PDB file of all heavy atoms in Angstrom:
ATOM      1  N   VAL A   1       0.891  -1.236  -0.009  1.00  0.00           N
ATOM      2  CA  VAL A   1       0.000   0.034  -0.007  1.00  0.00           C
ATOM      3  C   VAL A   1       0.925   1.328  -0.016  1.00  0.00           C
ATOM      4  O   VAL A   1       1.847   1.423   0.864  1.00  0.00           O
ATOM      5  CB  VAL A   1      -0.970   0.039   1.182  1.00  0.00           C
ATOM      6  CG1 VAL A   1      -1.827   1.203   1.140  1.00  0.00           C
ATOM      7  CG2 VAL A   1      -1.712  -1.385   1.297  1.00  0.00           C
ATOM      8  N   PHE A   2       0.476   2.243  -0.929  1.00  0.00           N
ATOM      9  CA  PHE A   2       1.213   3.450  -1.029  1.00  0.00           C
ATOM     10  C   PHE A   2       0.298   4.638  -0.785  1.00  0.00           C
ATOM     11  O   PHE A   2      -0.902   4.537  -1.172  1.00  0.00           O
ATOM     12  CB  PHE A   2       1.969   3.622  -2.312  1.00  0.00           C
ATOM     13  CG  PHE A   2       3.325   2.860  -2.483  1.00  0.00           C
ATOM     14  CD1 PHE A   2       3.296   1.526  -2.769  1.00  0.00           C
ATOM     15  CD2 PHE A   2       4.466   3.573  -2.293  1.00  0.00           C
ATOM     16  CE1 PHE A   2       4.496   0.941  -2.807  1.00  0.00           C
ATOM     17  CE2 PHE A   2       5.673   2.951  -2.388  1.00  0.00           C
ATOM     18  CZ  PHE A   2       5.697   1.613  -2.691  1.00  0.00           C
ATOM     19  N   HIS A   3       0.857   5.693  -0.319  1.00  0.00           N
ATOM     20  CA  HIS A   3       0.133   7.048  -0.207  1.00  0.00           C
ATOM     21  C   HIS A   3       1.111   8.106  -0.301  1.00  0.00           C
ATOM     22  O   HIS A   3       2.068   8.128   0.496  1.00  0.00           O
ATOM     23  CB  HIS A   3      -0.760   7.118   1.092  1.00  0.00           C
ATOM     24  CG  HIS A   3      -1.757   8.200   1.049  1.00  0.00           C
ATOM     25  ND1 HIS A   3      -1.483   9.533   1.058  1.00  0.00           N
ATOM     26  CD2 HIS A   3      -3.132   8.133   0.868  1.00  0.00           C
ATOM     27  CE1 HIS A   3      -2.587  10.293   0.893  1.00  0.00           C
ATOM     28  NE2 HIS A   3      -3.612   9.429   0.824  1.00  0.00           N
ATOM     29  N   SER A   4       0.901   8.947  -1.219  1.00  0.00           N
ATOM     30  CA  SER A   4       1.782  10.195  -1.424  1.00  0.00           C
ATOM     31  C   SER A   4       3.276   9.772  -1.579  1.00  0.00           C
ATOM     32  O   SER A   4       4.107  10.433  -1.089  1.00  0.00           O
ATOM     33  CB  SER A   4       1.706  11.217  -0.242  1.00  0.00           C
ATOM     34  OG  SER A   4       0.313  11.574  -0.129  1.00  0.00           O
ATOM     35  N   GLY A   5       3.481   8.518  -2.268  1.00  0.00           N
ATOM     36  CA  GLY A   5       4.865   8.204  -2.517  1.00  0.00           C
ATOM     37  C   GLY A   5       5.472   7.349  -1.382  1.00  0.00           C
ATOM     38  O   GLY A   5       6.547   6.952  -1.531  1.00  0.00           O
ATOM     39  N   LYS A   6       4.707   7.222  -0.374  1.00  0.00           N
ATOM     40  CA  LYS A   6       5.284   6.469   0.866  1.00  0.00           C
ATOM     41  C   LYS A   6       4.601   5.126   0.955  1.00  0.00           C
ATOM     42  O   LYS A   6       3.431   5.048   1.004  1.00  0.00           O
ATOM     43  CB  LYS A   6       5.099   7.283   2.096  1.00  0.00           C
ATOM     44  CG  LYS A   6       5.806   8.669   2.080  1.00  0.00           C
ATOM     45  CD  LYS A   6       5.471   9.449   3.343  1.00  0.00           C
ATOM     46  CE  LYS A   6       6.114  10.814   3.268  1.00  0.00           C
ATOM     47  NZ  LYS A   6       5.855  11.694   4.475  1.00  0.00           N
ATOM     48  N   PRO A   7       5.414   4.051   1.255  1.00  0.00           N
ATOM     49  CA  PRO A   7       4.841   2.713   1.463  1.00  0.00           C
ATOM     50  C   PRO A   7       4.371   2.583   2.951  1.00  0.00           C
ATOM     51  O   PRO A   7       4.902   3.203   3.886  1.00  0.00           O
ATOM     52  CB  PRO A   7       6.035   1.805   1.172  1.00  0.00           C
ATOM     53  CG  PRO A   7       7.229   2.617   1.530  1.00  0.00           C
ATOM     54  CD  PRO A   7       6.850   4.089   1.220  1.00  0.00           C
ATOM     55  N   LEU A   8       3.418   1.677   3.160  1.00  0.00           N
ATOM     56  CA  LEU A   8       2.889   1.399   4.439  1.00  0.00           C
ATOM     57  C   LEU A   8       3.819   0.350   5.070  1.00  0.00           C
ATOM     58  O   LEU A   8       3.872  -0.764   4.589  1.00  0.00           O
ATOM     59  CB  LEU A   8       1.405   0.923   4.404  1.00  0.00           C
ATOM     60  CG  LEU A   8       0.770   0.671   5.737  1.00  0.00           C
ATOM     61  CD1 LEU A   8       0.581   2.113   6.481  1.00  0.00           C
ATOM     62  CD2 LEU A   8      -0.615   0.032   5.521  1.00  0.00           C
ATOM     63  N   ILE A   9       4.435   0.676   6.179  1.00  0.00           N
ATOM     64  CA  ILE A   9       5.423  -0.101   6.909  1.00  0.00           C
ATOM     65  C   ILE A   9       4.847  -0.566   8.293  1.00  0.00           C
ATOM     66  O   ILE A   9       4.421   0.287   9.000  1.00  0.00           O
ATOM     67  CB  ILE A   9       6.742   0.659   7.064  1.00  0.00           C
ATOM     68  CG1 ILE A   9       7.327   1.131   5.655  1.00  0.00           C
ATOM     69  CG2 ILE A   9       7.760  -0.129   7.715  1.00  0.00           C
ATOM     70  CD1 ILE A   9       7.700  -0.093   4.772  1.00  0.00           C
ATOM     71  N   HIS A  10       5.070  -1.863   8.550  1.00  0.00           N
ATOM     72  CA  HIS A  10       4.814  -2.321   9.948  1.00  0.00           C
ATOM     73  C   HIS A  10       6.156  -2.072  10.698  1.00  0.00           C
ATOM     74  O   HIS A  10       7.156  -2.691  10.515  1.00  0.00           O
ATOM     75  CB  HIS A  10       4.510  -3.735   9.920  1.00  0.00           C
ATOM     76  CG  HIS A  10       4.080  -4.326  11.247  1.00  0.00           C
ATOM     77  ND1 HIS A  10       4.990  -4.882  12.124  1.00  0.00           N
ATOM     78  CD2 HIS A  10       2.926  -4.330  11.870  1.00  0.00           C
ATOM     79  CE1 HIS A  10       4.377  -5.211  13.197  1.00  0.00           C
ATOM     80  NE2 HIS A  10       3.213  -4.961  13.075  1.00  0.00           N
ATOM     81  N   VAL A  11       6.004  -1.190  11.616  1.00  0.00           N
ATOM     82  CA  VAL A  11       7.163  -0.659  12.335  1.00  0.00           C
ATOM     83  C   VAL A  11       7.372  -1.603  13.510  1.00  0.00           C
ATOM     84  O   VAL A  11       6.505  -1.808  14.337  1.00  0.00           O
ATOM     85  CB  VAL A  11       7.015   0.731  12.886  1.00  0.00           C
ATOM     86  CG1 VAL A  11       8.199   1.222  13.614  1.00  0.00           C
ATOM     87  CG2 VAL A  11       6.775   1.682  11.623  1.00  0.00           C
ATOM     88  N   SER A  12       8.573  -2.142  13.555  1.00  0.00           N
ATOM     89  CA  SER A  12       8.946  -3.045  14.717  1.00  0.00           C
ATOM     90  C   SER A  12       9.117  -2.256  15.969  1.00  0.00           C
ATOM     91  O   SER A  12       9.792  -1.295  16.019  1.00  0.00           O
ATOM     92  CB  SER A  12      10.275  -3.904  14.386  1.00  0.00           C
ATOM     93  OG  SER A  12      10.599  -4.628  15.492  1.00  0.00           O
ATOM     94  N   SER A  13       8.646  -2.845  17.055  1.00  0.00           N
ATOM     95  CA  SER A  13       8.794  -2.259  18.370  1.00  0.00           C
ATOM     96  C   SER A  13       9.852  -2.877  19.239  1.00  0.00           C
ATOM     97  O   SER A  13      10.126  -2.461  20.368  1.00  0.00           O
ATOM     98  CB  SER A  13       7.389  -2.197  19.131  1.00  0.00           C
ATOM     99  OG  SER A  13       7.019  -3.585  19.266  1.00  0.00           O
ATOM    100  N   GLU A  14      10.550  -3.915  18.749  1.00  0.00           N
ATOM    101  CA  GLU A  14      11.531  -4.632  19.330  1.00  0.00           C
ATOM    102  C   GLU A  14      12.810  -4.237  18.947  1.00  0.00           C
ATOM    103  O   GLU A  14      13.161  -4.216  17.732  1.00  0.00           O
ATOM    104  CB  GLU A  14      11.327  -6.090  19.167  1.00  0.00           C
ATOM    105  CG  GLU A  14       9.987  -6.695  19.634  1.00  0.00           C
ATOM    106  CD  GLU A  14       9.854  -8.168  19.436  1.00  0.00           C
ATOM    107  OE1 GLU A  14      10.841  -8.837  19.030  1.00  0.00           O
ATOM    108  OE2 GLU A  14       8.770  -8.717  19.740  1.00  0.00           O
ATOM    109  N   PRO A  15      13.697  -3.873  19.793  1.00  0.00           N
ATOM    110  CA  PRO A  15      15.152  -3.404  19.408  1.00  0.00           C
ATOM    111  C   PRO A  15      15.859  -4.561  18.664  1.00  0.00           C
ATOM    112  O   PRO A  15      15.823  -5.767  19.075  1.00  0.00           O
ATOM    113  CB  PRO A  15      15.785  -3.177  20.832  1.00  0.00           C
ATOM    114  CG  PRO A  15      14.721  -3.014  21.767  1.00  0.00           C
ATOM    115  CD  PRO A  15      13.486  -3.858  21.236  1.00  0.00           C
ATOM    116  N   GLY A  16      16.535  -4.223  17.621  1.00  0.00           N
ATOM    117  CA  GLY A  16      17.292  -5.156  16.814  1.00  0.00           C
ATOM    118  C   GLY A  16      16.464  -5.909  15.842  1.00  0.00           C
ATOM    119  O   GLY A  16      17.058  -6.751  15.098  1.00  0.00           O
ATOM    120  N   SER A  17      15.159  -5.665  15.765  1.00  0.00           N
ATOM    121  CA  SER A  17      14.332  -6.341  14.905  1.00  0.00           C
ATOM    122  C   SER A  17      13.978  -5.511  13.645  1.00  0.00           C
ATOM    123  O   SER A  17      13.627  -4.315  13.934  1.00  0.00           O
ATOM    124  CB  SER A  17      13.108  -6.790  15.507  1.00  0.00           C
ATOM    125  OG  SER A  17      12.136  -7.482  14.729  1.00  0.00           O
ATOM    126  N   ASN A  18      14.026  -6.109  12.374  1.00  0.00           N
ATOM    127  CA  ASN A  18      13.590  -5.225  11.375  1.00  0.00           C
ATOM    128  C   ASN A  18      12.176  -4.921  11.209  1.00  0.00           C
ATOM    129  O   ASN A  18      11.324  -5.761  11.587  1.00  0.00           O
ATOM    130  CB  ASN A  18      14.058  -6.052  10.001  1.00  0.00           C
ATOM    131  CG  ASN A  18      15.603  -5.988   9.720  1.00  0.00           C
ATOM    132  OD1 ASN A  18      16.268  -5.189  10.252  1.00  0.00           O
ATOM    133  ND2 ASN A  18      15.944  -6.819   8.878  1.00  0.00           N
ATOM    134  N   SER A  19      11.947  -3.709  10.675  1.00  0.00           N
ATOM    135  CA  SER A  19      10.575  -3.376  10.327  1.00  0.00           C
ATOM    136  C   SER A  19      10.280  -4.161   8.927  1.00  0.00           C
ATOM    137  O   SER A  19      11.177  -4.579   8.260  1.00  0.00           O
ATOM    138  CB  SER A  19      10.256  -1.946  10.098  1.00  0.00           C
ATOM    139  OG  SER A  19      10.604  -1.244  11.332  1.00  0.00           O
ATOM    140  N   THR A  20       9.003  -4.253   8.556  1.00  0.00           N
ATOM    141  CA  THR A  20       8.740  -4.956   7.372  1.00  0.00           C
ATOM    142  C   THR A  20       7.633  -4.239   6.512  1.00  0.00           C
ATOM    143  O   THR A  20       6.900  -3.313   7.094  1.00  0.00           O
ATOM    144  CB  THR A  20       8.037  -6.333   7.682  1.00  0.00           C
ATOM    145  OG1 THR A  20       6.919  -6.226   8.456  1.00  0.00           O
ATOM    146  CG2 THR A  20       9.192  -7.281   8.421  1.00  0.00           C
ATOM    147  N   ILE A  21       7.542  -4.585   5.234  1.00  0.00           N
ATOM    148  CA  ILE A  21       6.392  -4.077   4.435  1.00  0.00           C
ATOM    149  C   ILE A  21       5.099  -4.690   5.033  1.00  0.00           C
ATOM    150  O   ILE A  21       5.027  -5.777   5.317  1.00  0.00           O
ATOM    151  CB  ILE A  21       6.499  -4.621   2.985  1.00  0.00           C
ATOM    152  CG1 ILE A  21       7.880  -4.266   2.419  1.00  0.00           C
ATOM    153  CG2 ILE A  21       5.428  -4.027   2.111  1.00  0.00           C
ATOM    154  CD1 ILE A  21       8.097  -4.913   1.036  1.00  0.00           C
ATOM    155  N   PHE A  22       4.112  -3.779   5.174  1.00  0.00           N
ATOM    156  CA  PHE A  22       2.804  -4.294   5.571  1.00  0.00           C
ATOM    157  C   PHE A  22       2.105  -4.797   4.248  1.00  0.00           C
ATOM    158  O   PHE A  22       1.935  -4.093   3.316  1.00  0.00           O
ATOM    159  CB  PHE A  22       1.872  -3.240   6.143  1.00  0.00           C
ATOM    160  CG  PHE A  22       0.522  -3.744   6.568  1.00  0.00           C
ATOM    161  CD1 PHE A  22       0.439  -4.449   7.669  1.00  0.00           C
ATOM    162  CD2 PHE A  22      -0.582  -3.542   5.648  1.00  0.00           C
ATOM    163  CE1 PHE A  22      -0.854  -4.964   8.001  1.00  0.00           C
ATOM    164  CE2 PHE A  22      -1.789  -4.077   5.989  1.00  0.00           C
ATOM    165  CZ  PHE A  22      -1.867  -4.803   7.189  1.00  0.00           C
ATOM    166  N   LEU A  23       1.848  -6.117   4.270  1.00  0.00           N
ATOM    167  CA  LEU A  23       1.279  -6.752   3.069  1.00  0.00           C
ATOM    168  C   LEU A  23      -0.234  -6.953   3.391  1.00  0.00           C
ATOM    169  O   LEU A  23      -0.634  -7.876   4.105  1.00  0.00           O
ATOM    170  CB  LEU A  23       1.943  -8.083   2.824  1.00  0.00           C
ATOM    171  CG  LEU A  23       3.467  -7.908   2.474  1.00  0.00           C
ATOM    172  CD1 LEU A  23       4.066  -9.333   2.411  1.00  0.00           C
ATOM    173  CD2 LEU A  23       3.622  -7.282   1.146  1.00  0.00           C
ATOM    174  N   ALA A  24      -1.037  -6.196   2.714  1.00  0.00           N
ATOM    175  CA  ALA A  24      -2.509  -6.187   2.956  1.00  0.00           C
ATOM    176  C   ALA A  24      -3.173  -7.276   2.207  1.00  0.00           C
ATOM    177  O   ALA A  24      -2.693  -7.774   1.137  1.00  0.00           O
ATOM    178  CB  ALA A  24      -3.196  -4.903   2.560  1.00  0.00           C
ATOM    179  N   THR A  25      -4.271  -7.804   2.655  1.00  0.00           N
ATOM    180  CA  THR A  25      -5.091  -8.802   1.946  1.00  0.00           C
ATOM    181  C   THR A  25      -6.104  -8.044   1.058  1.00  0.00           C
ATOM    182  O   THR A  25      -6.241  -6.842   1.228  1.00  0.00           O
ATOM    183  CB  THR A  25      -5.869  -9.789   2.994  1.00  0.00           C
ATOM    184  OG1 THR A  25      -6.710  -8.862   3.695  1.00  0.00           O
ATOM    185  CG2 THR A  25      -4.874 -10.377   3.943  1.00  0.00           C
ATOM    186  N   TYR A  26      -6.697  -8.903   0.196  1.00  0.00           N
ATOM    187  CA  TYR A  26      -7.728  -8.281  -0.650  1.00  0.00           C
ATOM    188  C   TYR A  26      -8.861  -7.634   0.106  1.00  0.00           C
ATOM    189  O   TYR A  26      -9.386  -6.488  -0.209  1.00  0.00           O
ATOM    190  CB  TYR A  26      -8.274  -9.345  -1.755  1.00  0.00           C
ATOM    191  CG  TYR A  26      -9.335  -8.763  -2.542  1.00  0.00           C
ATOM    192  CD1 TYR A  26      -9.000  -8.160  -3.664  1.00  0.00           C
ATOM    193  CD2 TYR A  26     -10.665  -9.074  -2.260  1.00  0.00           C
ATOM    194  CE1 TYR A  26     -10.019  -7.598  -4.534  1.00  0.00           C
ATOM    195  CE2 TYR A  26     -11.689  -8.521  -3.106  1.00  0.00           C
ATOM    196  CZ  TYR A  26     -11.356  -7.780  -4.292  1.00  0.00           C
ATOM    197  OH  TYR A  26     -12.314  -7.308  -5.076  1.00  0.00           O
ATOM    198  N   ASP A  27      -9.292  -8.281   1.177  1.00  0.00           N
ATOM    199  CA  ASP A  27     -10.413  -7.711   1.902  1.00  0.00           C
ATOM    200  C   ASP A  27     -10.128  -6.386   2.635  1.00  0.00           C
ATOM    201  O   ASP A  27     -10.945  -5.572   2.867  1.00  0.00           O
ATOM    202  CB  ASP A  27     -10.770  -8.786   3.074  1.00  0.00           C
ATOM    203  CG  ASP A  27     -11.558  -9.955   2.477  1.00  0.00           C
ATOM    204  OD1 ASP A  27     -12.009  -9.870   1.391  1.00  0.00           O
ATOM    205  OD2 ASP A  27     -11.578 -11.035   3.173  1.00  0.00           O
ATOM    206  N   GLN A  28      -8.787  -6.207   2.898  1.00  0.00           N
ATOM    207  CA  GLN A  28      -8.432  -5.030   3.525  1.00  0.00           C
ATOM    208  C   GLN A  28      -8.347  -3.795   2.551  1.00  0.00           C
ATOM    209  O   GLN A  28      -8.439  -2.613   2.951  1.00  0.00           O
ATOM    210  CB  GLN A  28      -6.982  -5.169   4.165  1.00  0.00           C
ATOM    211  CG  GLN A  28      -7.045  -6.003   5.437  1.00  0.00           C
ATOM    212  CD  GLN A  28      -5.754  -6.250   6.029  1.00  0.00           C
ATOM    213  OE1 GLN A  28      -4.743  -6.721   5.343  1.00  0.00           O
ATOM    214  NE2 GLN A  28      -5.559  -6.149   7.330  1.00  0.00           N
ATOM    215  N   ILE A  29      -8.220  -3.993   1.286  1.00  0.00           N
ATOM    216  CA  ILE A  29      -8.123  -2.963   0.318  1.00  0.00           C
ATOM    217  C   ILE A  29      -9.244  -2.918  -0.807  1.00  0.00           C
ATOM    218  O   ILE A  29      -9.127  -2.021  -1.663  1.00  0.00           O
ATOM    219  CB  ILE A  29      -6.656  -2.859  -0.342  1.00  0.00           C
ATOM    220  CG1 ILE A  29      -6.429  -4.290  -1.044  1.00  0.00           C
ATOM    221  CG2 ILE A  29      -5.516  -2.642   0.592  1.00  0.00           C
ATOM    222  CD1 ILE A  29      -6.926  -4.484  -2.463  1.00  0.00           C
ATOM    223  N   LYS A  30     -10.069  -3.818  -0.660  1.00  0.00           N
ATOM    224  CA  LYS A  30     -11.098  -3.948  -1.770  1.00  0.00           C
ATOM    225  C   LYS A  30     -11.991  -2.673  -1.907  1.00  0.00           C
ATOM    226  O   LYS A  30     -12.401  -2.438  -3.080  1.00  0.00           O
ATOM    227  CB  LYS A  30     -11.932  -5.109  -1.541  1.00  0.00           C
ATOM    228  CG  LYS A  30     -12.917  -5.090  -0.275  1.00  0.00           C
ATOM    229  CD  LYS A  30     -13.665  -6.373  -0.119  1.00  0.00           C
ATOM    230  CE  LYS A  30     -14.503  -6.386   1.127  1.00  0.00           C
ATOM    231  NZ  LYS A  30     -15.293  -7.640   1.381  1.00  0.00           N
ATOM    232  N   ASN A  31     -12.160  -1.922  -0.903  1.00  0.00           N
ATOM    233  CA  ASN A  31     -12.930  -0.712  -1.027  1.00  0.00           C
ATOM    234  C   ASN A  31     -12.264   0.377  -1.784  1.00  0.00           C
ATOM    235  O   ASN A  31     -12.881   1.359  -2.208  1.00  0.00           O
ATOM    236  CB  ASN A  31     -13.328  -0.248   0.402  1.00  0.00           C
ATOM    237  CG  ASN A  31     -14.315  -1.233   1.067  1.00  0.00           C
ATOM    238  OD1 ASN A  31     -15.045  -1.828   0.378  1.00  0.00           O
ATOM    239  ND2 ASN A  31     -14.284  -1.202   2.355  1.00  0.00           N
ATOM    240  N   PHE A  32     -10.912   0.254  -1.910  1.00  0.00           N
ATOM    241  CA  PHE A  32     -10.231   1.286  -2.622  1.00  0.00           C
ATOM    242  C   PHE A  32      -9.899   0.981  -4.153  1.00  0.00           C
ATOM    243  O   PHE A  32      -9.368   1.877  -4.821  1.00  0.00           O
ATOM    244  CB  PHE A  32      -8.836   1.442  -1.932  1.00  0.00           C
ATOM    245  CG  PHE A  32      -8.930   1.941  -0.449  1.00  0.00           C
ATOM    246  CD1 PHE A  32      -8.934   1.071   0.542  1.00  0.00           C
ATOM    247  CD2 PHE A  32      -9.182   3.332  -0.171  1.00  0.00           C
ATOM    248  CE1 PHE A  32      -9.015   1.346   1.878  1.00  0.00           C
ATOM    249  CE2 PHE A  32      -9.215   3.693   1.137  1.00  0.00           C
ATOM    250  CZ  PHE A  32      -9.163   2.751   2.157  1.00  0.00           C
ATOM    251  N   ILE A  33     -10.131  -0.262  -4.553  1.00  0.00           N
ATOM    252  CA  ILE A  33      -9.764  -0.592  -5.863  1.00  0.00           C
ATOM    253  C   ILE A  33     -10.275   0.253  -7.014  1.00  0.00           C
ATOM    254  O   ILE A  33      -9.666   0.445  -8.052  1.00  0.00           O
ATOM    255  CB  ILE A  33     -10.016  -2.113  -6.096  1.00  0.00           C
ATOM    256  CG1 ILE A  33      -9.086  -2.991  -5.246  1.00  0.00           C
ATOM    257  CG2 ILE A  33      -9.932  -2.529  -7.602  1.00  0.00           C
ATOM    258  CD1 ILE A  33      -9.227  -4.495  -5.413  1.00  0.00           C
ATOM    259  N   GLU A  34     -11.522   0.636  -6.856  1.00  0.00           N
ATOM    260  CA  GLU A  34     -12.258   1.418  -7.923  1.00  0.00           C
ATOM    261  C   GLU A  34     -11.589   2.678  -8.291  1.00  0.00           C
ATOM    262  O   GLU A  34     -11.613   3.060  -9.457  1.00  0.00           O
ATOM    263  CB  GLU A  34     -13.705   1.642  -7.570  1.00  0.00           C
ATOM    264  CG  GLU A  34     -14.511   0.285  -7.557  1.00  0.00           C
ATOM    265  CD  GLU A  34     -16.015   0.612  -7.346  1.00  0.00           C
ATOM    266  OE1 GLU A  34     -16.413   1.794  -7.235  1.00  0.00           O
ATOM    267  OE2 GLU A  34     -16.802  -0.433  -7.374  1.00  0.00           O
ATOM    268  N   ASP A  35     -11.112   3.427  -7.309  1.00  0.00           N
ATOM    269  CA  ASP A  35     -10.493   4.712  -7.626  1.00  0.00           C
ATOM    270  C   ASP A  35      -9.021   4.825  -7.173  1.00  0.00           C
ATOM    271  O   ASP A  35      -8.599   5.954  -6.841  1.00  0.00           O
ATOM    272  CB  ASP A  35     -11.264   5.870  -6.903  1.00  0.00           C
ATOM    273  CG  ASP A  35     -11.352   5.568  -5.379  1.00  0.00           C
ATOM    274  OD1 ASP A  35     -10.827   4.583  -4.878  1.00  0.00           O
ATOM    275  OD2 ASP A  35     -11.912   6.412  -4.679  1.00  0.00           O
ATOM    276  N   ALA A  36      -8.330   3.615  -7.210  1.00  0.00           N
ATOM    277  CA  ALA A  36      -6.845   3.733  -6.921  1.00  0.00           C
ATOM    278  C   ALA A  36      -6.080   3.015  -7.981  1.00  0.00           C
ATOM    279  O   ALA A  36      -6.608   2.106  -8.699  1.00  0.00           O
ATOM    280  CB  ALA A  36      -6.597   3.086  -5.545  1.00  0.00           C
ATOM    281  N   TYR A  37      -4.747   3.355  -8.205  1.00  0.00           N
ATOM    282  CA  TYR A  37      -3.927   2.593  -9.068  1.00  0.00           C
ATOM    283  C   TYR A  37      -3.585   1.280  -8.517  1.00  0.00           C
ATOM    284  O   TYR A  37      -3.151   1.169  -7.360  1.00  0.00           O
ATOM    285  CB  TYR A  37      -2.654   3.443  -9.295  1.00  0.00           C
ATOM    286  CG  TYR A  37      -2.702   4.564 -10.222  1.00  0.00           C
ATOM    287  CD1 TYR A  37      -2.577   5.935  -9.908  1.00  0.00           C
ATOM    288  CD2 TYR A  37      -3.031   4.318 -11.609  1.00  0.00           C
ATOM    289  CE1 TYR A  37      -2.564   6.945 -10.784  1.00  0.00           C
ATOM    290  CE2 TYR A  37      -3.125   5.344 -12.551  1.00  0.00           C
ATOM    291  CZ  TYR A  37      -2.929   6.684 -12.041  1.00  0.00           C
ATOM    292  OH  TYR A  37      -3.031   7.694 -13.004  1.00  0.00           O
ATOM    293  N   LEU A  38      -3.758   0.265  -9.309  1.00  0.00           N
ATOM    294  CA  LEU A  38      -3.505  -1.156  -8.905  1.00  0.00           C
ATOM    295  C   LEU A  38      -2.467  -1.653  -9.893  1.00  0.00           C
ATOM    296  O   LEU A  38      -2.719  -1.783 -11.089  1.00  0.00           O
ATOM    297  CB  LEU A  38      -4.734  -2.001  -8.760  1.00  0.00           C
ATOM    298  CG  LEU A  38      -4.551  -3.323  -8.259  1.00  0.00           C
ATOM    299  CD1 LEU A  38      -4.239  -3.272  -6.764  1.00  0.00           C
ATOM    300  CD2 LEU A  38      -5.945  -4.165  -8.401  1.00  0.00           C
ATOM    301  N   LEU A  39      -1.302  -2.121  -9.421  1.00  0.00           N
ATOM    302  CA  LEU A  39      -0.175  -2.422 -10.309  1.00  0.00           C
ATOM    303  C   LEU A  39       0.349  -3.853  -9.976  1.00  0.00           C
ATOM    304  O   LEU A  39       0.599  -4.058  -8.725  1.00  0.00           O
ATOM    305  CB  LEU A  39       0.922  -1.415 -10.204  1.00  0.00           C
ATOM    306  CG  LEU A  39       0.512   0.006 -10.237  1.00  0.00           C
ATOM    307  CD1 LEU A  39       1.588   0.910  -9.830  1.00  0.00           C
ATOM    308  CD2 LEU A  39      -0.056   0.350 -11.612  1.00  0.00           C
ATOM    309  N   PHE A  40       0.510  -4.701 -10.817  1.00  0.00           N
ATOM    310  CA  PHE A  40       1.037  -6.069 -10.616  1.00  0.00           C
ATOM    311  C   PHE A  40       2.623  -5.958 -10.615  1.00  0.00           C
ATOM    312  O   PHE A  40       3.231  -5.441 -11.422  1.00  0.00           O
ATOM    313  CB  PHE A  40       0.702  -6.932 -11.747  1.00  0.00           C
ATOM    314  CG  PHE A  40       1.195  -8.449 -11.651  1.00  0.00           C
ATOM    315  CD1 PHE A  40       0.868  -9.178 -10.523  1.00  0.00           C
ATOM    316  CD2 PHE A  40       2.029  -9.003 -12.632  1.00  0.00           C
ATOM    317  CE1 PHE A  40       1.414 -10.440 -10.429  1.00  0.00           C
ATOM    318  CE2 PHE A  40       2.603 -10.193 -12.446  1.00  0.00           C
ATOM    319  CZ  PHE A  40       2.188 -11.030 -11.397  1.00  0.00           C
ATOM    320  N   LEU A  41       3.124  -6.588  -9.473  1.00  0.00           N
ATOM    321  CA  LEU A  41       4.529  -6.562  -9.298  1.00  0.00           C
ATOM    322  C   LEU A  41       5.233  -7.829  -9.576  1.00  0.00           C
ATOM    323  O   LEU A  41       6.301  -7.841 -10.132  1.00  0.00           O
ATOM    324  CB  LEU A  41       4.865  -6.306  -7.776  1.00  0.00           C
ATOM    325  CG  LEU A  41       4.289  -4.816  -7.213  1.00  0.00           C
ATOM    326  CD1 LEU A  41       4.721  -4.791  -5.708  1.00  0.00           C
ATOM    327  CD2 LEU A  41       4.960  -3.671  -8.042  1.00  0.00           C
TER     328      LEU A  41
END
């Protein structure tokens, strides 16, 4: 998920642990598909 050029990141709260890309499911983003850019990676 992107907004204003920035990706949605799951920020780690544990020291020494990497943050990760937040990977949304279809149900979480289905309401946005009609008016958002959707690109196959």
